[in-house]
Amino acid sequence: MKLITAEKLPAPGGHYSHGVLAGKLLFISGQLPFPPGEQEFPEGIKAQSIQAMANLEAVLQAAGASLNNLVNVQIYIVDVDDWPIVNSTYSALMGAHRPARVIIPCGPLHHGALVEISAVAEIE
């Protein structure tokens, strides 16, 4: 097992790692939409979805991988009405790659975020 730290992301605020590599699988902790070096989220669900995916991608890059290595993605949203925006934003970012995915309406998220994304990737 190897702990993965994405240097351009803030240190985790709790007792966890950005990612954990176990064998060929990289487990990525939930990524909130904080832009690197900032204390506030971008405005709106689309901008927050893009930023959370960028943070997830930073963890992938720290492990020598990319979005194309994703095998499973979990997207938590506070409002089910945001599903179409999150889905279209995610689709645009992922292109032809289609890992297994779930979008989960979940109620309030930490710090008032509108979205949080965690994932599992296979590292070759």
N, C-alpha and C. Protein backbone atom coordinates (compact mmCIF):
# COMPACT_ATOMS: atom_id res chain seq x y z
N MET A 1 0.85 -1.18 0.00
CA MET A 1 0.00 0.00 0.00
C MET A 1 0.89 1.24 0.00
N LYS A 2 0.50 2.22 -0.81
CA LYS A 2 1.26 3.46 -0.91
C LYS A 2 0.30 4.64 -0.81
N LEU A 3 0.63 5.62 0.03
CA LEU A 3 -0.18 6.82 0.15
C LEU A 3 0.21 7.81 -0.93
N ILE A 4 -0.78 8.42 -1.56
CA ILE A 4 -0.56 9.37 -2.65
C ILE A 4 -0.94 10.77 -2.17
N THR A 5 -0.03 11.72 -2.38
CA THR A 5 -0.28 13.11 -2.04
C THR A 5 -0.13 13.95 -3.30
N ALA A 6 -1.15 14.72 -3.59
CA ALA A 6 -1.10 15.65 -4.73
C ALA A 6 -0.56 16.98 -4.20
N GLU A 7 0.66 17.29 -4.55
CA GLU A 7 1.34 18.47 -4.00
C GLU A 7 0.61 19.77 -4.27
N LYS A 8 -0.13 19.87 -5.40
CA LYS A 8 -0.79 21.13 -5.69
C LYS A 8 -2.12 21.29 -4.96
N LEU A 9 -2.57 20.25 -4.27
CA LEU A 9 -3.80 20.35 -3.47
C LEU A 9 -3.45 20.63 -2.02
N PRO A 10 -4.38 21.25 -1.28
CA PRO A 10 -4.11 21.46 0.14
C PRO A 10 -3.99 20.12 0.87
N ALA A 11 -3.28 20.13 1.97
CA ALA A 11 -3.18 18.93 2.79
C ALA A 11 -4.59 18.53 3.23
N PRO A 12 -4.87 17.23 3.32
CA PRO A 12 -6.19 16.80 3.78
C PRO A 12 -6.53 17.43 5.14
N GLY A 13 -7.79 17.81 5.29
CA GLY A 13 -8.25 18.45 6.52
C GLY A 13 -8.62 17.47 7.61
N GLY A 14 -8.62 16.20 7.31
CA GLY A 14 -8.97 15.17 8.27
C GLY A 14 -7.95 14.05 8.24
N HIS A 15 -8.30 12.96 8.85
CA HIS A 15 -7.40 11.81 8.96
C HIS A 15 -7.56 10.89 7.74
N TYR A 16 -7.02 11.32 6.61
CA TYR A 16 -7.09 10.56 5.36
C TYR A 16 -6.00 11.04 4.42
N SER A 17 -5.79 10.29 3.35
CA SER A 17 -4.84 10.65 2.30
C SER A 17 -5.61 11.06 1.06
N HIS A 18 -4.98 11.85 0.17
CA HIS A 18 -5.63 12.17 -1.10
C HIS A 18 -6.00 10.89 -1.85
N GLY A 19 -5.07 9.93 -1.81
CA GLY A 19 -5.31 8.66 -2.47
C GLY A 19 -4.50 7.55 -1.82
N VAL A 20 -4.93 6.34 -2.04
CA VAL A 20 -4.22 5.17 -1.55
C VAL A 20 -4.11 4.18 -2.70
N LEU A 21 -2.87 3.81 -3.02
CA LEU A 21 -2.60 2.83 -4.06
C LEU A 21 -2.45 1.47 -3.38
N ALA A 22 -3.35 0.55 -3.74
CA ALA A 22 -3.32 -0.81 -3.20
C ALA A 22 -3.27 -1.76 -4.39
N GLY A 23 -2.12 -2.36 -4.61
CA GLY A 23 -1.95 -3.17 -5.81
C GLY A 23 -2.03 -2.26 -7.03
N LYS A 24 -2.91 -2.58 -7.95
CA LYS A 24 -3.08 -1.76 -9.15
C LYS A 24 -4.24 -0.77 -9.02
N LEU A 25 -4.88 -0.74 -7.86
CA LEU A 25 -6.04 0.13 -7.68
C LEU A 25 -5.69 1.37 -6.87
N LEU A 26 -6.10 2.52 -7.37
CA LEU A 26 -5.94 3.78 -6.68
C LEU A 26 -7.30 4.22 -6.17
N PHE A 27 -7.44 4.35 -4.87
CA PHE A 27 -8.66 4.80 -4.24
C PHE A 27 -8.49 6.29 -3.92
N ILE A 28 -9.32 7.13 -4.52
CA ILE A 28 -9.19 8.58 -4.37
C ILE A 28 -10.25 9.09 -3.41
N SER A 29 -9.79 9.77 -2.37
CA SER A 29 -10.71 10.33 -1.38
C SER A 29 -11.60 11.39 -2.01
N GLY A 30 -12.73 11.66 -1.37
CA GLY A 30 -13.66 12.67 -1.85
C GLY A 30 -12.97 14.01 -2.05
N GLN A 31 -13.17 14.58 -3.24
CA GLN A 31 -12.56 15.86 -3.59
C GLN A 31 -13.64 16.94 -3.62
N LEU A 32 -13.47 17.93 -2.76
CA LEU A 32 -14.34 19.10 -2.77
C LEU A 32 -13.84 20.07 -3.83
N PRO A 33 -14.65 21.04 -4.21
CA PRO A 33 -14.26 21.94 -5.31
C PRO A 33 -13.44 23.16 -4.89
N PHE A 34 -12.53 23.01 -3.94
CA PHE A 34 -11.63 24.12 -3.59
C PHE A 34 -10.58 24.28 -4.69
N PRO A 35 -10.46 25.45 -5.30
CA PRO A 35 -9.33 25.68 -6.20
C PRO A 35 -8.03 25.68 -5.38
N PRO A 36 -6.93 25.18 -5.95
CA PRO A 36 -5.66 25.18 -5.20
C PRO A 36 -5.33 26.57 -4.67
N GLY A 37 -4.98 26.64 -3.40
CA GLY A 37 -4.57 27.88 -2.76
C GLY A 37 -5.70 28.82 -2.38
N GLU A 38 -6.95 28.40 -2.55
CA GLU A 38 -8.08 29.27 -2.22
C GLU A 38 -8.93 28.66 -1.11
N GLN A 39 -9.69 29.52 -0.44
CA GLN A 39 -10.52 29.09 0.67
C GLN A 39 -12.01 29.08 0.34
N GLU A 40 -12.36 29.47 -0.89
CA GLU A 40 -13.77 29.51 -1.28
C GLU A 40 -13.98 28.71 -2.56
N PHE A 41 -15.18 28.18 -2.70
CA PHE A 41 -15.54 27.42 -3.89
C PHE A 41 -15.90 28.36 -5.03
N PRO A 42 -15.77 27.89 -6.27
CA PRO A 42 -16.30 28.64 -7.40
C PRO A 42 -17.83 28.73 -7.26
N GLU A 43 -18.42 29.65 -7.97
CA GLU A 43 -19.87 29.87 -7.91
C GLU A 43 -20.61 28.88 -8.82
N GLY A 44 -21.58 28.18 -8.29
CA GLY A 44 -22.47 27.34 -9.08
C GLY A 44 -22.03 25.90 -9.24
N ILE A 45 -23.01 25.06 -9.55
CA ILE A 45 -22.76 23.62 -9.63
C ILE A 45 -21.83 23.25 -10.78
N LYS A 46 -21.95 23.90 -11.93
CA LYS A 46 -21.07 23.56 -13.06
C LYS A 46 -19.62 23.86 -12.73
N ALA A 47 -19.35 25.06 -12.24
CA ALA A 47 -17.97 25.44 -11.89
C ALA A 47 -17.42 24.56 -10.78
N GLN A 48 -18.26 24.21 -9.81
CA GLN A 48 -17.80 23.35 -8.72
C GLN A 48 -17.53 21.93 -9.22
N SER A 49 -18.34 21.44 -10.16
CA SER A 49 -18.11 20.11 -10.72
C SER A 49 -16.79 20.07 -11.47
N ILE A 50 -16.53 21.10 -12.26
CA ILE A 50 -15.27 21.18 -13.01
C ILE A 50 -14.09 21.20 -12.05
N GLN A 51 -14.17 21.99 -10.97
CA GLN A 51 -13.06 22.10 -10.03
C GLN A 51 -12.86 20.80 -9.26
N ALA A 52 -13.94 20.15 -8.82
CA ALA A 52 -13.80 18.88 -8.10
C ALA A 52 -13.15 17.83 -9.00
N MET A 53 -13.52 17.82 -10.29
CA MET A 53 -12.89 16.89 -11.23
C MET A 53 -11.41 17.23 -11.44
N ALA A 54 -11.08 18.52 -11.48
CA ALA A 54 -9.68 18.93 -11.61
C ALA A 54 -8.88 18.46 -10.40
N ASN A 55 -9.47 18.54 -9.21
CA ASN A 55 -8.79 18.08 -8.00
C ASN A 55 -8.60 16.56 -8.03
N LEU A 56 -9.63 15.85 -8.50
CA LEU A 56 -9.52 14.40 -8.65
C LEU A 56 -8.40 14.07 -9.64
N GLU A 57 -8.35 14.82 -10.73
CA GLU A 57 -7.31 14.60 -11.74
C GLU A 57 -5.91 14.87 -11.18
N ALA A 58 -5.79 15.83 -10.27
CA ALA A 58 -4.49 16.11 -9.63
C ALA A 58 -4.00 14.91 -8.84
N VAL A 59 -4.92 14.21 -8.17
CA VAL A 59 -4.53 13.00 -7.43
C VAL A 59 -4.12 11.91 -8.41
N LEU A 60 -4.88 11.76 -9.48
CA LEU A 60 -4.50 10.79 -10.51
C LEU A 60 -3.11 11.07 -11.06
N GLN A 61 -2.83 12.33 -11.37
CA GLN A 61 -1.53 12.70 -11.92
C GLN A 61 -0.41 12.43 -10.92
N ALA A 62 -0.67 12.65 -9.63
CA ALA A 62 0.34 12.38 -8.60
C ALA A 62 0.68 10.89 -8.55
N ALA A 63 -0.23 10.05 -9.02
CA ALA A 63 0.00 8.61 -9.05
C ALA A 63 0.45 8.14 -10.43
N GLY A 64 0.68 9.08 -11.35
CA GLY A 64 1.12 8.72 -12.69
C GLY A 64 0.00 8.25 -13.59
N ALA A 65 -1.22 8.72 -13.34
CA ALA A 65 -2.39 8.27 -14.11
C ALA A 65 -3.15 9.48 -14.66
N SER A 66 -4.26 9.18 -15.34
CA SER A 66 -5.11 10.23 -15.90
C SER A 66 -6.58 9.83 -15.74
N LEU A 67 -7.46 10.69 -16.21
CA LEU A 67 -8.89 10.38 -16.15
C LEU A 67 -9.22 9.07 -16.86
N ASN A 68 -8.45 8.71 -17.86
CA ASN A 68 -8.69 7.46 -18.59
C ASN A 68 -8.42 6.22 -17.76
N ASN A 69 -7.80 6.36 -16.60
CA ASN A 69 -7.56 5.22 -15.71
C ASN A 69 -8.72 4.97 -14.76
N LEU A 70 -9.70 5.88 -14.73
CA LEU A 70 -10.82 5.72 -13.82
C LEU A 70 -11.65 4.50 -14.18
N VAL A 71 -12.03 3.72 -13.15
CA VAL A 71 -12.91 2.58 -13.35
C VAL A 71 -14.25 2.76 -12.65
N ASN A 72 -14.30 3.64 -11.63
CA ASN A 72 -15.53 3.88 -10.89
C ASN A 72 -15.48 5.28 -10.30
N VAL A 73 -16.58 6.02 -10.44
CA VAL A 73 -16.66 7.40 -9.95
C VAL A 73 -17.93 7.57 -9.14
N GLN A 74 -17.81 8.20 -7.98
CA GLN A 74 -18.95 8.49 -7.12
C GLN A 74 -19.07 10.01 -7.00
N ILE A 75 -20.22 10.54 -7.41
CA ILE A 75 -20.45 11.99 -7.37
C ILE A 75 -21.59 12.26 -6.39
N TYR A 76 -21.30 13.04 -5.38
CA TYR A 76 -22.29 13.40 -4.36
C TYR A 76 -22.76 14.83 -4.63
N ILE A 77 -24.07 15.02 -4.70
CA ILE A 77 -24.63 16.35 -4.96
C ILE A 77 -25.68 16.66 -3.90
N VAL A 78 -25.84 17.94 -3.59
CA VAL A 78 -26.79 18.34 -2.54
C VAL A 78 -28.21 18.46 -3.08
N ASP A 79 -28.37 18.60 -4.39
CA ASP A 79 -29.69 18.83 -4.97
C ASP A 79 -29.86 17.96 -6.21
N VAL A 80 -30.83 17.04 -6.18
CA VAL A 80 -31.05 16.15 -7.32
C VAL A 80 -31.37 16.93 -8.59
N ASP A 81 -31.89 18.14 -8.48
CA ASP A 81 -32.17 18.95 -9.66
C ASP A 81 -30.90 19.34 -10.42
N ASP A 82 -29.72 19.21 -9.76
CA ASP A 82 -28.44 19.51 -10.42
C ASP A 82 -27.93 18.34 -11.26
N TRP A 83 -28.62 17.19 -11.22
CA TRP A 83 -28.16 15.99 -11.93
C TRP A 83 -27.86 16.27 -13.40
N PRO A 84 -28.76 16.92 -14.17
CA PRO A 84 -28.47 17.12 -15.60
C PRO A 84 -27.21 17.97 -15.84
N ILE A 85 -26.99 18.99 -15.03
CA ILE A 85 -25.81 19.84 -15.21
C ILE A 85 -24.55 19.05 -14.87
N VAL A 86 -24.58 18.31 -13.77
CA VAL A 86 -23.42 17.50 -13.38
C VAL A 86 -23.14 16.44 -14.44
N ASN A 87 -24.17 15.78 -14.93
CA ASN A 87 -24.00 14.75 -15.94
C ASN A 87 -23.38 15.31 -17.22
N SER A 88 -23.89 16.45 -17.70
CA SER A 88 -23.35 17.01 -18.95
C SER A 88 -21.93 17.54 -18.77
N THR A 89 -21.64 18.12 -17.61
CA THR A 89 -20.29 18.61 -17.32
C THR A 89 -19.31 17.44 -17.25
N TYR A 90 -19.68 16.41 -16.54
CA TYR A 90 -18.87 15.20 -16.41
C TYR A 90 -18.62 14.58 -17.79
N SER A 91 -19.68 14.47 -18.58
CA SER A 91 -19.57 13.89 -19.92
C SER A 91 -18.58 14.67 -20.78
N ALA A 92 -18.64 15.99 -20.72
CA ALA A 92 -17.72 16.82 -21.51
C ALA A 92 -16.27 16.60 -21.06
N LEU A 93 -16.05 16.45 -19.77
CA LEU A 93 -14.69 16.25 -19.25
C LEU A 93 -14.15 14.86 -19.56
N MET A 94 -15.02 13.86 -19.56
CA MET A 94 -14.59 12.47 -19.72
C MET A 94 -14.50 12.06 -21.18
N GLY A 95 -15.18 12.73 -22.08
CA GLY A 95 -15.13 12.34 -23.48
C GLY A 95 -15.67 10.94 -23.69
N ALA A 96 -14.96 10.13 -24.46
CA ALA A 96 -15.42 8.78 -24.80
C ALA A 96 -15.24 7.78 -23.66
N HIS A 97 -14.42 8.10 -22.65
CA HIS A 97 -14.18 7.18 -21.54
C HIS A 97 -15.41 7.13 -20.63
N ARG A 98 -15.90 5.94 -20.33
CA ARG A 98 -17.13 5.77 -19.57
C ARG A 98 -16.94 4.78 -18.40
N PRO A 99 -16.28 5.21 -17.33
CA PRO A 99 -16.17 4.32 -16.18
C PRO A 99 -17.55 4.13 -15.52
N ALA A 100 -17.68 3.12 -14.69
CA ALA A 100 -18.89 2.97 -13.90
C ALA A 100 -19.04 4.24 -13.05
N ARG A 101 -20.30 4.66 -12.82
CA ARG A 101 -20.50 5.93 -12.12
C ARG A 101 -21.83 5.93 -11.40
N VAL A 102 -21.88 6.69 -10.33
CA VAL A 102 -23.13 6.94 -9.63
C VAL A 102 -23.16 8.42 -9.24
N ILE A 103 -24.33 9.02 -9.34
CA ILE A 103 -24.55 10.38 -8.82
C ILE A 103 -25.53 10.23 -7.67
N ILE A 104 -25.13 10.66 -6.48
CA ILE A 104 -25.89 10.42 -5.27
C ILE A 104 -26.36 11.73 -4.66
N PRO A 105 -27.67 12.02 -4.67
CA PRO A 105 -28.17 13.17 -3.92
C PRO A 105 -28.02 12.84 -2.43
N CYS A 106 -27.38 13.73 -1.67
CA CYS A 106 -27.00 13.33 -0.31
C CYS A 106 -27.30 14.35 0.79
N GLY A 107 -27.81 15.50 0.48
CA GLY A 107 -27.97 16.51 1.52
C GLY A 107 -26.71 17.33 1.66
N PRO A 108 -26.59 18.11 2.73
CA PRO A 108 -25.47 19.04 2.88
C PRO A 108 -24.10 18.36 2.84
N LEU A 109 -23.15 19.02 2.16
CA LEU A 109 -21.76 18.57 2.12
C LEU A 109 -20.90 19.52 2.95
N HIS A 110 -19.71 19.06 3.27
CA HIS A 110 -18.79 19.82 4.11
C HIS A 110 -18.50 21.20 3.51
N HIS A 111 -18.42 22.21 4.35
CA HIS A 111 -18.11 23.60 3.97
C HIS A 111 -19.14 24.20 3.02
N GLY A 112 -20.30 23.55 2.86
CA GLY A 112 -21.32 24.08 1.98
C GLY A 112 -21.10 23.80 0.50
N ALA A 113 -20.24 22.85 0.18
CA ALA A 113 -20.01 22.50 -1.23
C ALA A 113 -21.29 21.97 -1.85
N LEU A 114 -21.41 22.13 -3.16
CA LEU A 114 -22.56 21.61 -3.91
C LEU A 114 -22.28 20.22 -4.46
N VAL A 115 -20.98 19.84 -4.52
CA VAL A 115 -20.58 18.56 -5.10
C VAL A 115 -19.29 18.06 -4.43
N GLU A 116 -19.16 16.75 -4.35
CA GLU A 116 -17.92 16.10 -3.90
C GLU A 116 -17.77 14.84 -4.75
N ILE A 117 -16.54 14.55 -5.17
CA ILE A 117 -16.31 13.42 -6.07
C ILE A 117 -15.19 12.53 -5.54
N SER A 118 -15.46 11.24 -5.45
CA SER A 118 -14.44 10.25 -5.13
C SER A 118 -14.39 9.23 -6.27
N ALA A 119 -13.33 8.42 -6.31
CA ALA A 119 -13.19 7.51 -7.45
C ALA A 119 -12.21 6.39 -7.15
N VAL A 120 -12.24 5.42 -8.03
CA VAL A 120 -11.27 4.32 -8.04
C VAL A 120 -10.69 4.26 -9.45
N ALA A 121 -9.39 4.12 -9.54
CA ALA A 121 -8.70 4.02 -10.83
C ALA A 121 -7.80 2.79 -10.83
N GLU A 122 -7.55 2.27 -12.02
CA GLU A 122 -6.59 1.18 -12.17
C GLU A 122 -5.31 1.79 -12.73
N ILE A 123 -4.21 1.54 -12.03
CA ILE A 123 -2.90 2.06 -12.43
C ILE A 123 -2.15 0.93 -13.12
N GLU A 124 -1.67 1.21 -14.32
CA GLU A 124 -0.99 0.18 -15.10
C GLU A 124 0.48 0.11 -14.79
